[in-house]
Amino acid sequence: MSQEPSLPEPSILTFDTPEAAADACADRILDSLNQTRRDRGQAAIALSGGSTPRLMFQTMAQRSFHWREI
Protein backbone atom coordinates (compact mmCIF):
# COMPACT_ATOMS: atom_id res chain seq x y z
CA MET A 1 0.00 0.00 0.00
CA SER A 2 1.48 3.34 -1.02
CA GLN A 3 1.28 6.32 1.24
CA GLU A 4 0.33 9.75 -0.08
CA PRO A 5 2.88 12.50 0.48
CA SER A 6 2.13 14.71 3.45
CA LEU A 7 1.03 18.24 2.76
CA PRO A 8 2.48 21.22 4.58
CA GLU A 9 0.40 22.67 7.38
CA PRO A 10 -1.80 25.50 6.11
CA SER A 11 -1.07 28.97 7.38
CA ILE A 12 -3.08 32.16 7.49
CA LEU A 13 -1.33 35.35 6.50
CA THR A 14 -2.72 38.80 7.21
CA PHE A 15 -1.84 42.08 5.53
CA ASP A 16 -2.47 45.71 6.33
CA THR A 17 -3.97 46.59 2.95
CA PRO A 18 -5.65 44.85 0.02
CA GLU A 19 -2.71 45.98 -2.13
CA ALA A 20 -0.22 44.27 0.17
CA ALA A 21 -2.29 41.07 0.06
CA ALA A 22 -2.50 41.25 -3.75
CA ASP A 23 1.28 41.75 -4.00
CA ALA A 24 1.99 38.80 -1.71
CA CYS A 25 -0.44 36.51 -3.54
CA ALA A 26 0.91 37.54 -6.94
CA ASP A 27 4.49 36.92 -5.76
CA ARG A 28 3.60 33.47 -4.42
CA ILE A 29 1.70 32.42 -7.54
CA LEU A 30 4.30 33.69 -10.00
CA ASP A 31 7.15 32.14 -7.99
CA SER A 32 5.32 28.81 -7.94
CA LEU A 33 4.64 28.98 -11.69
CA ASN A 34 8.30 29.79 -12.38
CA GLN A 35 9.51 26.91 -10.22
CA THR A 36 7.10 24.45 -11.84
CA ARG A 37 8.06 25.67 -15.30
CA ARG A 38 11.76 25.17 -14.49
CA ASP A 39 11.11 21.70 -13.09
CA ARG A 40 8.71 20.45 -15.78
CA GLY A 41 9.17 22.73 -18.78
CA GLN A 42 5.64 24.09 -18.47
CA ALA A 43 3.05 24.95 -15.84
CA ALA A 44 -0.72 25.34 -15.65
CA ILE A 45 -2.98 27.43 -13.46
CA ALA A 46 -6.75 27.73 -13.08
CA LEU A 47 -7.98 31.14 -11.99
CA SER A 48 -11.35 32.20 -10.67
CA GLY A 49 -13.35 35.01 -12.15
CA GLY A 50 -15.38 37.71 -10.52
CA SER A 51 -14.32 40.82 -8.72
CA THR A 52 -12.67 39.29 -5.64
CA PRO A 53 -9.29 38.46 -7.27
CA ARG A 54 -9.29 41.53 -9.55
CA LEU A 55 -6.60 43.46 -7.66
CA MET A 56 -4.33 40.41 -7.62
CA PHE A 57 -4.85 39.87 -11.37
CA GLN A 58 -4.03 43.52 -12.04
CA THR A 59 -0.89 43.17 -9.95
CA MET A 60 0.14 40.02 -11.82
CA ALA A 61 -0.48 41.69 -15.19
CA GLN A 62 1.88 44.55 -14.26
CA ARG A 63 4.74 42.18 -13.46
CA SER A 64 7.38 41.21 -15.95
CA PHE A 65 6.49 37.56 -16.47
CA HIS A 66 6.81 35.19 -19.41
CA TRP A 67 3.45 33.48 -19.86
CA ARG A 68 4.44 31.37 -22.90
CA GLU A 69 4.86 28.08 -21.02
CA ILE A 70 1.86 28.63 -18.77
PDB file of N, CA and C in Angstrom:
ATOM      1  N   MET A   1       0.836  -1.170   0.000  1.00  0.00           N
ATOM      2  CA  MET A   1       0.000   0.000   0.000  1.00  0.00           C
ATOM      3  C   MET A   1       0.884   1.237   0.000  1.00  0.00           C
ATOM      4  N   SER A   2       0.662   2.126  -0.960  1.00  0.00           N
ATOM      5  CA  SER A   2       1.478   3.343  -1.017  1.00  0.00           C
ATOM      6  C   SER A   2       0.861   4.424  -0.140  1.00  0.00           C
ATOM      7  N   GLN A   3       1.719   5.243   0.368  1.00  0.00           N
ATOM      8  CA  GLN A   3       1.275   6.317   1.239  1.00  0.00           C
ATOM      9  C   GLN A   3       1.362   7.631   0.483  1.00  0.00           C
ATOM     10  N   GLU A   4       0.320   8.449   0.581  1.00  0.00           N
ATOM     11  CA  GLU A   4       0.325   9.750  -0.084  1.00  0.00           C
ATOM     12  C   GLU A   4       1.310  10.669   0.618  1.00  0.00           C
ATOM     13  N   PRO A   5       1.951  11.560  -0.155  1.00  0.00           N
ATOM     14  CA  PRO A   5       2.884  12.496   0.481  1.00  0.00           C
ATOM     15  C   PRO A   5       2.131  13.425   1.427  1.00  0.00           C
ATOM     16  N   SER A   6       2.777  13.792   2.502  1.00  0.00           N
ATOM     17  CA  SER A   6       2.134  14.706   3.447  1.00  0.00           C
ATOM     18  C   SER A   6       2.178  16.126   2.906  1.00  0.00           C
ATOM     19  N   LEU A   7       1.131  16.843   3.185  1.00  0.00           N
ATOM     20  CA  LEU A   7       1.032  18.239   2.760  1.00  0.00           C
ATOM     21  C   LEU A   7       1.505  19.143   3.884  1.00  0.00           C
ATOM     22  N   PRO A   8       2.059  20.301   3.524  1.00  0.00           N
ATOM     23  CA  PRO A   8       2.483  21.224   4.582  1.00  0.00           C
ATOM     24  C   PRO A   8       1.262  21.749   5.342  1.00  0.00           C
ATOM     25  N   GLU A   9       1.464  22.088   6.577  1.00  0.00           N
ATOM     26  CA  GLU A   9       0.401  22.665   7.382  1.00  0.00           C
ATOM     27  C   GLU A   9      -0.041  23.991   6.761  1.00  0.00           C
ATOM     28  N   PRO A  10      -1.343  24.221   6.648  1.00  0.00           N
ATOM     29  CA  PRO A  10      -1.802  25.502   6.110  1.00  0.00           C
ATOM     30  C   PRO A  10      -1.476  26.636   7.082  1.00  0.00           C
ATOM     31  N   SER A  11      -1.312  27.808   6.536  1.00  0.00           N
ATOM     32  CA  SER A  11      -1.066  28.972   7.384  1.00  0.00           C
ATOM     33  C   SER A  11      -1.954  30.113   6.908  1.00  0.00           C
ATOM     34  N   ILE A  12      -2.265  30.991   7.809  1.00  0.00           N
ATOM     35  CA  ILE A  12      -3.082  32.161   7.491  1.00  0.00           C
ATOM     36  C   ILE A  12      -2.192  33.384   7.599  1.00  0.00           C
ATOM     37  N   LEU A  13      -2.119  34.121   6.523  1.00  0.00           N
ATOM     38  CA  LEU A  13      -1.330  35.348   6.504  1.00  0.00           C
ATOM     39  C   LEU A  13      -2.283  36.538   6.516  1.00  0.00           C
ATOM     40  N   THR A  14      -1.912  37.588   7.202  1.00  0.00           N
ATOM     41  CA  THR A  14      -2.722  38.801   7.209  1.00  0.00           C
ATOM     42  C   THR A  14      -1.867  39.967   6.727  1.00  0.00           C
ATOM     43  N   PHE A  15      -2.528  40.920   6.103  1.00  0.00           N
ATOM     44  CA  PHE A  15      -1.837  42.078   5.531  1.00  0.00           C
ATOM     45  C   PHE A  15      -2.590  43.339   5.912  1.00  0.00           C
ATOM     46  N   ASP A  16      -1.885  44.440   5.918  1.00  0.00           N
ATOM     47  CA  ASP A  16      -2.473  45.706   6.334  1.00  0.00           C
ATOM     48  C   ASP A  16      -3.409  46.303   5.290  1.00  0.00           C
ATOM     49  N   THR A  17      -3.158  46.005   4.018  1.00  0.00           N
ATOM     50  CA  THR A  17      -3.971  46.592   2.951  1.00  0.00           C
ATOM     51  C   THR A  17      -4.298  45.537   1.900  1.00  0.00           C
ATOM     52  N   PRO A  18      -5.355  45.759   1.133  1.00  0.00           N
ATOM     53  CA  PRO A  18      -5.649  44.852   0.017  1.00  0.00           C
ATOM     54  C   PRO A  18      -4.496  44.807  -0.991  1.00  0.00           C
ATOM     55  N   GLU A  19      -3.834  45.928  -1.194  1.00  0.00           N
ATOM     56  CA  GLU A  19      -2.713  45.976  -2.133  1.00  0.00           C
ATOM     57  C   GLU A  19      -1.560  45.087  -1.664  1.00  0.00           C
ATOM     58  N   ALA A  20      -1.283  45.115  -0.365  1.00  0.00           N
ATOM     59  CA  ALA A  20      -0.220  44.272   0.173  1.00  0.00           C
ATOM     60  C   ALA A  20      -0.579  42.786   0.025  1.00  0.00           C
ATOM     61  N   ALA A  21      -1.840  42.454   0.242  1.00  0.00           N
ATOM     62  CA  ALA A  21      -2.285  41.068   0.060  1.00  0.00           C
ATOM     63  C   ALA A  21      -2.173  40.657  -1.400  1.00  0.00           C
ATOM     64  N   ALA A  22      -2.584  41.539  -2.314  1.00  0.00           N
ATOM     65  CA  ALA A  22      -2.500  41.246  -3.747  1.00  0.00           C
ATOM     66  C   ALA A  22      -1.051  41.050  -4.175  1.00  0.00           C
ATOM     67  N   ASP A  23      -0.148  41.887  -3.681  1.00  0.00           N
ATOM     68  CA  ASP A  23       1.277  41.750  -3.998  1.00  0.00           C
ATOM     69  C   ASP A  23       1.819  40.404  -3.509  1.00  0.00           C
ATOM     70  N   ALA A  24       1.495  40.057  -2.273  1.00  0.00           N
ATOM     71  CA  ALA A  24       1.995  38.802  -1.706  1.00  0.00           C
ATOM     72  C   ALA A  24       1.438  37.596  -2.462  1.00  0.00           C
ATOM     73  N   CYS A  25       0.162  37.624  -2.793  1.00  0.00           N
ATOM     74  CA  CYS A  25      -0.438  36.514  -3.539  1.00  0.00           C
ATOM     75  C   CYS A  25       0.164  36.412  -4.933  1.00  0.00           C
ATOM     76  N   ALA A  26       0.317  37.543  -5.604  1.00  0.00           N
ATOM     77  CA  ALA A  26       0.913  37.543  -6.944  1.00  0.00           C
ATOM     78  C   ALA A  26       2.334  36.990  -6.893  1.00  0.00           C
ATOM     79  N   ASP A  27       3.118  37.430  -5.913  1.00  0.00           N
ATOM     80  CA  ASP A  27       4.490  36.919  -5.763  1.00  0.00           C
ATOM     81  C   ASP A  27       4.487  35.405  -5.590  1.00  0.00           C
ATOM     82  N   ARG A  28       3.638  34.909  -4.717  1.00  0.00           N
ATOM     83  CA  ARG A  28       3.603  33.473  -4.424  1.00  0.00           C
ATOM     84  C   ARG A  28       3.198  32.663  -5.656  1.00  0.00           C
ATOM     85  N   ILE A  29       2.179  33.129  -6.348  1.00  0.00           N
ATOM     86  CA  ILE A  29       1.700  32.415  -7.538  1.00  0.00           C
ATOM     87  C   ILE A  29       2.748  32.429  -8.636  1.00  0.00           C
ATOM     88  N   LEU A  30       3.310  33.594  -8.920  1.00  0.00           N
ATOM     89  CA  LEU A  30       4.298  33.687  -9.996  1.00  0.00           C
ATOM     90  C   LEU A  30       5.566  32.910  -9.663  1.00  0.00           C
ATOM     91  N   ASP A  31       5.983  32.934  -8.399  1.00  0.00           N
ATOM     92  CA  ASP A  31       7.151  32.138  -7.990  1.00  0.00           C
ATOM     93  C   ASP A  31       6.876  30.641  -8.178  1.00  0.00           C
ATOM     94  N   SER A  32       5.682  30.215  -7.790  1.00  0.00           N
ATOM     95  CA  SER A  32       5.317  28.807  -7.944  1.00  0.00           C
ATOM     96  C   SER A  32       5.259  28.406  -9.415  1.00  0.00           C
ATOM     97  N   LEU A  33       4.685  29.266 -10.250  1.00  0.00           N
ATOM     98  CA  LEU A  33       4.643  28.980 -11.689  1.00  0.00           C
ATOM     99  C   LEU A  33       6.046  28.902 -12.275  1.00  0.00           C
ATOM    100  N   ASN A  34       6.913  29.818 -11.889  1.00  0.00           N
ATOM    101  CA  ASN A  34       8.297  29.787 -12.380  1.00  0.00           C
ATOM    102  C   ASN A  34       9.012  28.509 -11.965  1.00  0.00           C
ATOM    103  N   GLN A  35       8.851  28.113 -10.712  1.00  0.00           N
ATOM    104  CA  GLN A  35       9.507  26.906 -10.223  1.00  0.00           C
ATOM    105  C   GLN A  35       8.982  25.675 -10.960  1.00  0.00           C
ATOM    106  N   THR A  36       7.685  25.585 -11.135  1.00  0.00           N
ATOM    107  CA  THR A  36       7.098  24.451 -11.842  1.00  0.00           C
ATOM    108  C   THR A  36       7.550  24.436 -13.294  1.00  0.00           C
ATOM    109  N   ARG A  37       7.606  25.588 -13.917  1.00  0.00           N
ATOM    110  CA  ARG A  37       8.058  25.672 -15.305  1.00  0.00           C
ATOM    111  C   ARG A  37       9.509  25.222 -15.428  1.00  0.00           C
ATOM    112  N   ARG A  38      10.355  25.610 -14.479  1.00  0.00           N
ATOM    113  CA  ARG A  38      11.755  25.174 -14.490  1.00  0.00           C
ATOM    114  C   ARG A  38      11.851  23.664 -14.304  1.00  0.00           C
ATOM    115  N   ASP A  39      11.052  23.129 -13.400  1.00  0.00           N
ATOM    116  CA  ASP A  39      11.108  21.702 -13.093  1.00  0.00           C
ATOM    117  C   ASP A  39      10.516  20.831 -14.200  1.00  0.00           C
ATOM    118  N   ARG A  40       9.452  21.291 -14.839  1.00  0.00           N
ATOM    119  CA  ARG A  40       8.708  20.451 -15.778  1.00  0.00           C
ATOM    120  C   ARG A  40       8.674  20.962 -17.215  1.00  0.00           C
ATOM    121  N   GLY A  41       9.178  22.177 -17.430  1.00  0.00           N
ATOM    122  CA  GLY A  41       9.167  22.733 -18.775  1.00  0.00           C
ATOM    123  C   GLY A  41       7.906  23.497 -19.118  1.00  0.00           C
ATOM    124  N   GLN A  42       6.887  23.355 -18.301  1.00  0.00           N
ATOM    125  CA  GLN A  42       5.641  24.093 -18.474  1.00  0.00           C
ATOM    126  C   GLN A  42       4.882  24.073 -17.155  1.00  0.00           C
ATOM    127  N   ALA A  43       3.874  24.905 -17.045  1.00  0.00           N
ATOM    128  CA  ALA A  43       3.048  24.949 -15.839  1.00  0.00           C
ATOM    129  C   ALA A  43       1.636  25.323 -16.250  1.00  0.00           C
ATOM    130  N   ALA A  44       0.684  25.008 -15.398  1.00  0.00           N
ATOM    131  CA  ALA A  44      -0.716  25.337 -15.651  1.00  0.00           C
ATOM    132  C   ALA A  44      -1.306  25.961 -14.392  1.00  0.00           C
ATOM    133  N   ILE A  45      -2.295  26.807 -14.595  1.00  0.00           N
ATOM    134  CA  ILE A  45      -2.977  27.432 -13.464  1.00  0.00           C
ATOM    135  C   ILE A  45      -4.436  27.640 -13.853  1.00  0.00           C
ATOM    136  N   ALA A  46      -5.328  27.451 -12.907  1.00  0.00           N
ATOM    137  CA  ALA A  46      -6.749  27.730 -13.084  1.00  0.00           C
ATOM    138  C   ALA A  46      -7.079  28.907 -12.173  1.00  0.00           C
ATOM    139  N   LEU A  47      -7.682  29.927 -12.748  1.00  0.00           N
ATOM    140  CA  LEU A  47      -7.983  31.138 -11.992  1.00  0.00           C
ATOM    141  C   LEU A  47      -9.481  31.377 -11.940  1.00  0.00           C
ATOM    142  N   SER A  48      -9.932  31.881 -10.816  1.00  0.00           N
ATOM    143  CA  SER A  48     -11.348  32.196 -10.673  1.00  0.00           C
ATOM    144  C   SER A  48     -11.656  33.527 -11.343  1.00  0.00           C
ATOM    145  N   GLY A  49     -12.910  33.739 -11.584  1.00  0.00           N
ATOM    146  CA  GLY A  49     -13.347  35.013 -12.148  1.00  0.00           C
ATOM    147  C   GLY A  49     -13.973  35.864 -11.060  1.00  0.00           C
ATOM    148  N   GLY A  50     -14.709  36.842 -11.485  1.00  0.00           N
ATOM    149  CA  GLY A  50     -15.382  37.706 -10.525  1.00  0.00           C
ATOM    150  C   GLY A  50     -14.510  38.853 -10.067  1.00  0.00           C
ATOM    151  N   SER A  51     -15.027  39.608  -9.149  1.00  0.00           N
ATOM    152  CA  SER A  51     -14.321  40.820  -8.725  1.00  0.00           C
ATOM    153  C   SER A  51     -13.370  40.592  -7.549  1.00  0.00           C
ATOM    154  N   THR A  52     -13.511  39.503  -6.818  1.00  0.00           N
ATOM    155  CA  THR A  52     -12.674  39.285  -5.641  1.00  0.00           C
ATOM    156  C   THR A  52     -11.183  39.267  -5.969  1.00  0.00           C
ATOM    157  N   PRO A  53     -10.730  38.508  -6.986  1.00  0.00           N
ATOM    158  CA  PRO A  53      -9.287  38.460  -7.268  1.00  0.00           C
ATOM    159  C   PRO A  53      -8.797  39.563  -8.214  1.00  0.00           C
ATOM    160  N   ARG A  54      -9.642  40.515  -8.541  1.00  0.00           N
ATOM    161  CA  ARG A  54      -9.288  41.526  -9.550  1.00  0.00           C
ATOM    162  C   ARG A  54      -7.986  42.257  -9.238  1.00  0.00           C
ATOM    163  N   LEU A  55      -7.807  42.710  -8.020  1.00  0.00           N
ATOM    164  CA  LEU A  55      -6.597  43.459  -7.658  1.00  0.00           C
ATOM    165  C   LEU A  55      -5.353  42.584  -7.819  1.00  0.00           C
ATOM    166  N   MET A  56      -5.465  41.319  -7.447  1.00  0.00           N
ATOM    167  CA  MET A  56      -4.327  40.415  -7.616  1.00  0.00           C
ATOM    168  C   MET A  56      -4.025  40.215  -9.101  1.00  0.00           C
ATOM    169  N   PHE A  57      -5.060  40.038  -9.924  1.00  0.00           N
ATOM    170  CA  PHE A  57      -4.847  39.868 -11.365  1.00  0.00           C
ATOM    171  C   PHE A  57      -4.193  41.106 -11.968  1.00  0.00           C
ATOM    172  N   GLN A  58      -4.635  42.277 -11.549  1.00  0.00           N
ATOM    173  CA  GLN A  58      -4.026  43.522 -12.043  1.00  0.00           C
ATOM    174  C   GLN A  58      -2.552  43.586 -11.638  1.00  0.00           C
ATOM    175  N   THR A  59      -2.272  43.183 -10.426  1.00  0.00           N
ATOM    176  CA  THR A  59      -0.887  43.168  -9.948  1.00  0.00           C
ATOM    177  C   THR A  59      -0.047  42.208 -10.773  1.00  0.00           C
ATOM    178  N   MET A  60      -0.584  41.013 -11.027  1.00  0.00           N
ATOM    179  CA  MET A  60       0.143  40.020 -11.818  1.00  0.00           C
ATOM    180  C   MET A  60       0.377  40.523 -13.244  1.00  0.00           C
ATOM    181  N   ALA A  61      -0.599  41.198 -13.809  1.00  0.00           N
ATOM    182  CA  ALA A  61      -0.484  41.685 -15.188  1.00  0.00           C
ATOM    183  C   ALA A  61       0.587  42.766 -15.313  1.00  0.00           C
ATOM    184  N   GLN A  62       0.869  43.476 -14.234  1.00  0.00           N
ATOM    185  CA  GLN A  62       1.877  44.545 -14.263  1.00  0.00           C
ATOM    186  C   GLN A  62       3.292  44.015 -14.079  1.00  0.00           C
ATOM    187  N   ARG A  63       3.424  42.768 -13.676  1.00  0.00           N
ATOM    188  CA  ARG A  63       4.738  42.181 -13.456  1.00  0.00           C
ATOM    189  C   ARG A  63       5.356  41.732 -14.770  1.00  0.00           C
ATOM    190  N   SER A  64       6.663  41.755 -14.802  1.00  0.00           N
ATOM    191  CA  SER A  64       7.380  41.208 -15.950  1.00  0.00           C
ATOM    192  C   SER A  64       7.387  39.691 -15.771  1.00  0.00           C
ATOM    193  N   PHE A  65       6.617  39.007 -16.589  1.00  0.00           N
ATOM    194  CA  PHE A  65       6.487  37.561 -16.471  1.00  0.00           C
ATOM    195  C   PHE A  65       6.269  36.958 -17.845  1.00  0.00           C
ATOM    196  N   HIS A  66       6.933  35.853 -18.106  1.00  0.00           N
ATOM    197  CA  HIS A  66       6.815  35.188 -19.412  1.00  0.00           C
ATOM    198  C   HIS A  66       5.731  34.118 -19.304  1.00  0.00           C
ATOM    199  N   TRP A  67       4.611  34.358 -19.957  1.00  0.00           N
ATOM    200  CA  TRP A  67       3.449  33.480 -19.864  1.00  0.00           C
ATOM    201  C   TRP A  67       3.450  32.385 -20.921  1.00  0.00           C
ATOM    202  N   ARG A  68       4.451  32.301 -21.771  1.00  0.00           N
ATOM    203  CA  ARG A  68       4.442  31.366 -22.899  1.00  0.00           C
ATOM    204  C   ARG A  68       4.280  29.907 -22.496  1.00  0.00           C
ATOM    205  N   GLU A  69       4.927  29.472 -21.424  1.00  0.00           N
ATOM    206  CA  GLU A  69       4.860  28.079 -21.017  1.00  0.00           C
ATOM    207  C   GLU A  69       3.795  27.819 -19.968  1.00  0.00           C
ATOM    208  N   ILE A  70       2.934  28.770 -19.763  1.00  0.00           N
ATOM    209  CA  ILE A  70       1.857  28.629 -18.765  1.00  0.00           C
ATOM    210  C   ILE A  70       0.573  28.287 -19.495  1.00  0.00           C
TER     211      ILE A  70
END
